């Protein structure tokens, strides 16, 4: 998978603020897929967008789980860990699906 860069400054480092919002180092809030560019192409594929959303959701869930551990909230912890497992499974399943589609098109995936 190619690296994403900010459309405005070309920087590749982002901070995840929420599921659909990241903050670039230049200070711009990136909320739409059109705010990003890939190094090789300005367009995103749907599979890559879903993977990016799943990764940011997993990151946010891990933060929330850490808060639950600090507050010793077992019920919320159980709920969030279940949601984390589901999200991680969906991410690995989408990666496998993406690899399969690339192999069907005659391209190799490394």
N, C-alpha and C. Protein backbone atom coordinates (compact mmCIF):
# COMPACT_ATOMS: atom_id res chain seq x y z
N UNK A 1 0.84 -1.16 0.00
CA UNK A 1 0.00 0.00 0.00
C UNK A 1 0.89 1.24 0.00
N UNK A 2 0.52 2.23 -0.76
CA UNK A 2 1.31 3.45 -0.87
C UNK A 2 1.05 4.37 0.31
N UNK A 3 1.99 5.24 0.57
CA UNK A 3 1.89 6.19 1.66
C UNK A 3 0.97 7.34 1.27
N UNK A 4 0.19 7.82 2.23
CA UNK A 4 -0.68 8.97 2.00
C UNK A 4 0.04 10.24 2.38
N UNK A 5 -0.26 11.29 1.64
CA UNK A 5 0.33 12.60 1.93
C UNK A 5 -0.78 13.64 1.93
N UNK A 6 -0.53 14.72 2.65
CA UNK A 6 -1.48 15.83 2.71
C UNK A 6 -1.52 16.54 1.35
N UNK A 7 -2.70 16.85 0.91
CA UNK A 7 -2.88 17.52 -0.37
C UNK A 7 -2.32 18.94 -0.34
N UNK A 8 -2.31 19.57 0.81
CA UNK A 8 -1.93 20.97 0.92
C UNK A 8 -0.43 21.19 1.12
N UNK A 9 0.20 20.31 1.93
CA UNK A 9 1.62 20.54 2.22
C UNK A 9 2.53 19.39 1.80
N UNK A 10 1.96 18.22 1.48
CA UNK A 10 2.76 17.08 1.07
C UNK A 10 3.35 16.29 2.22
N UNK A 11 2.96 16.61 3.44
CA UNK A 11 3.47 15.92 4.62
C UNK A 11 2.78 14.56 4.76
N UNK A 12 3.49 13.57 5.30
CA UNK A 12 2.94 12.23 5.44
C UNK A 12 2.64 11.85 6.89
N UNK A 13 2.74 12.79 7.83
CA UNK A 13 2.48 12.49 9.22
C UNK A 13 1.16 13.13 9.64
N UNK A 14 0.27 12.29 10.22
CA UNK A 14 -1.05 12.74 10.62
C UNK A 14 -1.33 12.32 12.05
N UNK A 15 -2.23 13.05 12.71
CA UNK A 15 -2.73 12.70 14.03
C UNK A 15 -4.21 12.40 13.87
N UNK A 16 -4.66 11.23 14.38
CA UNK A 16 -6.06 10.85 14.28
C UNK A 16 -6.84 11.56 15.38
N UNK A 17 -7.85 12.33 14.97
CA UNK A 17 -8.70 13.03 15.94
C UNK A 17 -9.98 12.26 16.20
N UNK A 18 -10.59 11.72 15.16
CA UNK A 18 -11.78 10.89 15.27
C UNK A 18 -11.79 9.95 14.08
N UNK A 19 -12.87 9.19 13.93
CA UNK A 19 -12.93 8.17 12.88
C UNK A 19 -12.78 8.79 11.50
N UNK A 20 -13.37 9.93 11.25
CA UNK A 20 -13.33 10.55 9.93
C UNK A 20 -12.54 11.85 9.90
N UNK A 21 -11.66 12.05 10.86
CA UNK A 21 -10.94 13.32 10.90
C UNK A 21 -9.51 13.11 11.40
N UNK A 22 -8.56 13.64 10.64
CA UNK A 22 -7.16 13.61 11.04
C UNK A 22 -6.61 15.02 10.98
N UNK A 23 -5.53 15.23 11.67
CA UNK A 23 -4.89 16.54 11.71
C UNK A 23 -3.49 16.39 11.13
N UNK A 24 -3.19 17.20 10.12
CA UNK A 24 -1.87 17.18 9.50
C UNK A 24 -0.93 18.02 10.36
N UNK A 25 0.36 17.80 10.20
CA UNK A 25 1.34 18.60 10.94
C UNK A 25 1.29 20.07 10.55
N UNK A 26 0.78 20.36 9.34
CA UNK A 26 0.68 21.76 8.92
C UNK A 26 -0.50 22.47 9.57
N UNK A 27 -1.34 21.72 10.31
CA UNK A 27 -2.46 22.32 11.03
C UNK A 27 -3.80 22.21 10.33
N UNK A 28 -3.86 21.60 9.17
CA UNK A 28 -5.10 21.46 8.41
C UNK A 28 -5.83 20.20 8.88
N UNK A 29 -7.13 20.33 9.11
CA UNK A 29 -7.95 19.17 9.46
C UNK A 29 -8.39 18.50 8.17
N UNK A 30 -8.07 17.23 8.06
CA UNK A 30 -8.40 16.46 6.87
C UNK A 30 -9.60 15.58 7.18
N UNK A 31 -10.73 15.87 6.53
CA UNK A 31 -11.96 15.14 6.82
C UNK A 31 -12.49 14.37 5.63
N UNK A 32 -12.07 14.70 4.43
CA UNK A 32 -12.57 14.04 3.23
C UNK A 32 -11.43 13.28 2.55
N UNK A 33 -11.77 12.22 1.85
CA UNK A 33 -10.72 11.50 1.11
C UNK A 33 -10.02 12.38 0.08
N UNK A 34 -10.69 13.41 -0.39
CA UNK A 34 -10.07 14.29 -1.38
C UNK A 34 -9.00 15.19 -0.77
N UNK A 35 -8.91 15.22 0.57
CA UNK A 35 -7.87 16.01 1.23
C UNK A 35 -6.52 15.30 1.24
N UNK A 36 -6.49 14.03 0.83
CA UNK A 36 -5.27 13.24 0.82
C UNK A 36 -4.84 12.97 -0.62
N UNK A 37 -3.58 12.68 -0.77
CA UNK A 37 -3.04 12.20 -2.04
C UNK A 37 -2.19 10.98 -1.75
N UNK A 38 -2.17 10.05 -2.69
CA UNK A 38 -1.21 8.96 -2.59
C UNK A 38 0.04 9.40 -3.30
N UNK A 39 1.15 8.81 -2.95
CA UNK A 39 2.41 9.21 -3.57
C UNK A 39 2.40 8.98 -5.07
N UNK A 40 1.70 7.93 -5.52
CA UNK A 40 1.72 7.62 -6.94
C UNK A 40 0.48 8.09 -7.68
N UNK A 41 -0.61 8.34 -6.98
CA UNK A 41 -1.85 8.68 -7.65
C UNK A 41 -2.72 9.54 -6.74
N UNK A 42 -3.45 10.50 -7.29
CA UNK A 42 -4.31 11.34 -6.44
C UNK A 42 -5.62 10.68 -6.05
N UNK A 43 -5.92 9.50 -6.57
CA UNK A 43 -7.20 8.87 -6.27
C UNK A 43 -7.02 7.73 -5.28
N UNK A 44 -8.01 7.57 -4.43
CA UNK A 44 -8.06 6.47 -3.48
C UNK A 44 -8.97 5.40 -4.01
N UNK A 45 -8.66 4.18 -3.75
CA UNK A 45 -9.60 3.10 -4.05
C UNK A 45 -10.49 2.91 -2.84
N UNK A 46 -11.66 2.37 -3.07
CA UNK A 46 -12.62 2.16 -1.98
C UNK A 46 -12.08 1.25 -0.91
N UNK A 47 -11.34 0.21 -1.31
CA UNK A 47 -10.79 -0.72 -0.33
C UNK A 47 -9.80 -0.02 0.59
N UNK A 48 -8.98 0.81 0.05
CA UNK A 48 -7.98 1.51 0.86
C UNK A 48 -8.65 2.49 1.81
N UNK A 49 -9.70 3.13 1.38
CA UNK A 49 -10.41 4.07 2.24
C UNK A 49 -11.02 3.32 3.43
N UNK A 50 -11.63 2.18 3.17
CA UNK A 50 -12.22 1.39 4.25
C UNK A 50 -11.15 0.90 5.21
N UNK A 51 -10.00 0.52 4.69
CA UNK A 51 -8.91 0.08 5.55
C UNK A 51 -8.42 1.23 6.43
N UNK A 52 -8.28 2.40 5.86
CA UNK A 52 -7.83 3.55 6.64
C UNK A 52 -8.83 3.91 7.74
N UNK A 53 -10.12 3.83 7.42
CA UNK A 53 -11.15 4.11 8.42
C UNK A 53 -11.12 3.06 9.53
N UNK A 54 -10.91 1.80 9.16
CA UNK A 54 -10.84 0.74 10.16
C UNK A 54 -9.62 0.92 11.06
N UNK A 55 -8.50 1.29 10.50
CA UNK A 55 -7.29 1.51 11.30
C UNK A 55 -7.48 2.66 12.28
N UNK A 56 -8.08 3.75 11.82
CA UNK A 56 -8.29 4.88 12.73
C UNK A 56 -9.32 4.53 13.81
N UNK A 57 -10.34 3.74 13.45
CA UNK A 57 -11.32 3.32 14.45
C UNK A 57 -10.65 2.43 15.50
N UNK A 58 -9.78 1.52 15.07
CA UNK A 58 -9.07 0.65 16.01
C UNK A 58 -8.21 1.47 16.95
N UNK A 59 -7.54 2.47 16.41
CA UNK A 59 -6.70 3.34 17.24
C UNK A 59 -7.53 4.06 18.30
N UNK A 60 -8.67 4.58 17.90
CA UNK A 60 -9.54 5.28 18.86
C UNK A 60 -10.12 4.32 19.90
N UNK A 61 -10.47 3.11 19.48
CA UNK A 61 -10.98 2.13 20.43
C UNK A 61 -9.92 1.76 21.46
N UNK A 62 -8.68 1.64 21.04
CA UNK A 62 -7.61 1.32 21.98
C UNK A 62 -7.43 2.43 23.01
N UNK A 63 -7.57 3.66 22.56
CA UNK A 63 -7.48 4.79 23.51
C UNK A 63 -8.60 4.73 24.54
N UNK A 64 -9.83 4.44 24.05
CA UNK A 64 -10.97 4.35 24.95
C UNK A 64 -10.82 3.19 25.93
N UNK A 65 -10.27 2.08 25.46
CA UNK A 65 -10.04 0.93 26.34
C UNK A 65 -9.04 1.30 27.43
N UNK A 66 -8.01 2.04 27.08
CA UNK A 66 -7.04 2.50 28.08
C UNK A 66 -7.71 3.38 29.13
N UNK A 67 -8.62 4.24 28.70
CA UNK A 67 -9.35 5.09 29.65
C UNK A 67 -10.21 4.23 30.58
N UNK A 68 -10.85 3.20 30.02
CA UNK A 68 -11.68 2.31 30.84
C UNK A 68 -10.84 1.57 31.88
N UNK A 69 -9.65 1.17 31.48
CA UNK A 69 -8.77 0.50 32.45
C UNK A 69 -8.36 1.45 33.55
N UNK A 70 -8.11 2.70 33.21
CA UNK A 70 -7.75 3.69 34.22
C UNK A 70 -8.91 3.94 35.19
N UNK A 71 -10.13 3.97 34.65
CA UNK A 71 -11.31 4.25 35.47
C UNK A 71 -11.92 2.99 36.08
N UNK A 72 -11.39 1.82 35.70
CA UNK A 72 -11.86 0.51 36.18
C UNK A 72 -13.34 0.29 35.87
N UNK A 73 -13.73 0.63 34.66
CA UNK A 73 -15.10 0.45 34.19
C UNK A 73 -15.17 -0.85 33.39
N UNK A 74 -15.57 -1.94 34.08
CA UNK A 74 -15.54 -3.26 33.46
C UNK A 74 -16.56 -3.42 32.34
N UNK A 75 -17.76 -2.92 32.53
CA UNK A 75 -18.80 -3.09 31.52
C UNK A 75 -18.43 -2.40 30.21
N UNK A 76 -17.97 -1.19 30.30
CA UNK A 76 -17.55 -0.46 29.09
C UNK A 76 -16.31 -1.12 28.47
N UNK A 77 -15.42 -1.62 29.32
CA UNK A 77 -14.22 -2.31 28.85
C UNK A 77 -14.61 -3.54 28.01
N UNK A 78 -15.54 -4.34 28.53
CA UNK A 78 -15.98 -5.53 27.80
C UNK A 78 -16.62 -5.16 26.47
N UNK A 79 -17.44 -4.13 26.49
CA UNK A 79 -18.11 -3.69 25.26
C UNK A 79 -17.09 -3.21 24.23
N UNK A 80 -16.13 -2.40 24.65
CA UNK A 80 -15.14 -1.85 23.73
C UNK A 80 -14.17 -2.91 23.22
N UNK A 81 -13.79 -3.88 24.07
CA UNK A 81 -12.89 -4.93 23.60
C UNK A 81 -13.59 -5.82 22.58
N UNK A 82 -14.89 -6.06 22.77
CA UNK A 82 -15.63 -6.83 21.77
C UNK A 82 -15.66 -6.07 20.44
N UNK A 83 -15.95 -4.78 20.52
CA UNK A 83 -15.98 -3.95 19.31
C UNK A 83 -14.60 -3.89 18.64
N UNK A 84 -13.54 -3.87 19.45
CA UNK A 84 -12.18 -3.88 18.92
C UNK A 84 -11.89 -5.18 18.17
N UNK A 85 -12.29 -6.30 18.74
CA UNK A 85 -12.09 -7.59 18.07
C UNK A 85 -12.82 -7.64 16.73
N UNK A 86 -14.04 -7.15 16.71
CA UNK A 86 -14.82 -7.13 15.47
C UNK A 86 -14.14 -6.24 14.44
N UNK A 87 -13.66 -5.08 14.86
CA UNK A 87 -13.00 -4.15 13.94
C UNK A 87 -11.69 -4.74 13.41
N UNK A 88 -10.93 -5.40 14.26
CA UNK A 88 -9.68 -6.01 13.82
C UNK A 88 -9.94 -7.16 12.85
N UNK A 89 -10.99 -7.93 13.11
CA UNK A 89 -11.35 -9.01 12.19
C UNK A 89 -11.76 -8.44 10.84
N UNK A 90 -12.55 -7.37 10.86
CA UNK A 90 -12.98 -6.74 9.61
C UNK A 90 -11.79 -6.20 8.84
N UNK A 91 -10.81 -5.65 9.54
CA UNK A 91 -9.61 -5.13 8.88
C UNK A 91 -8.81 -6.25 8.24
N UNK A 92 -8.58 -7.33 8.96
CA UNK A 92 -7.82 -8.44 8.38
C UNK A 92 -8.58 -9.09 7.24
N UNK A 93 -9.91 -9.16 7.36
CA UNK A 93 -10.73 -9.72 6.28
C UNK A 93 -10.67 -8.84 5.04
N UNK A 94 -10.71 -7.50 5.24
CA UNK A 94 -10.64 -6.60 4.08
C UNK A 94 -9.26 -6.64 3.43
N UNK A 95 -8.21 -6.82 4.23
CA UNK A 95 -6.86 -6.94 3.67
C UNK A 95 -6.75 -8.21 2.84
N UNK A 96 -7.32 -9.31 3.33
CA UNK A 96 -7.29 -10.56 2.58
C UNK A 96 -8.08 -10.42 1.28
N UNK A 97 -9.20 -9.75 1.36
CA UNK A 97 -10.02 -9.51 0.16
C UNK A 97 -9.26 -8.64 -0.84
N UNK A 98 -8.57 -7.62 -0.33
CA UNK A 98 -7.80 -6.72 -1.19
C UNK A 98 -6.66 -7.48 -1.88
N UNK A 99 -5.95 -8.33 -1.12
CA UNK A 99 -4.88 -9.14 -1.71
C UNK A 99 -5.42 -10.06 -2.79
N UNK A 100 -6.57 -10.66 -2.51
CA UNK A 100 -7.17 -11.57 -3.48
C UNK A 100 -7.53 -10.84 -4.77
N UNK A 101 -8.08 -9.64 -4.65
CA UNK A 101 -8.43 -8.88 -5.85
C UNK A 101 -7.20 -8.48 -6.65
N UNK A 102 -6.11 -8.13 -5.94
CA UNK A 102 -4.88 -7.79 -6.64
C UNK A 102 -4.30 -9.00 -7.36
N UNK A 103 -4.34 -10.15 -6.72
CA UNK A 103 -3.82 -11.36 -7.35
C UNK A 103 -4.67 -11.77 -8.56
N UNK A 104 -5.96 -11.53 -8.50
CA UNK A 104 -6.83 -11.85 -9.64
C UNK A 104 -6.53 -10.95 -10.82
N UNK A 105 -6.10 -9.74 -10.54
CA UNK A 105 -5.78 -8.80 -11.62
C UNK A 105 -4.38 -9.01 -12.17
N UNK A 106 -3.66 -10.02 -11.66
CA UNK A 106 -2.33 -10.32 -12.18
C UNK A 106 -1.23 -9.50 -11.54
N UNK A 107 -1.52 -8.80 -10.47
CA UNK A 107 -0.51 -8.00 -9.79
C UNK A 107 -0.06 -8.76 -8.54
N UNK A 108 1.14 -8.50 -8.10
CA UNK A 108 1.64 -9.15 -6.89
C UNK A 108 1.52 -8.18 -5.73
N UNK A 109 1.34 -8.71 -4.55
CA UNK A 109 1.20 -7.91 -3.34
C UNK A 109 2.34 -8.27 -2.40
N UNK A 110 3.05 -7.26 -1.96
CA UNK A 110 4.17 -7.54 -1.05
C UNK A 110 3.88 -7.09 0.34
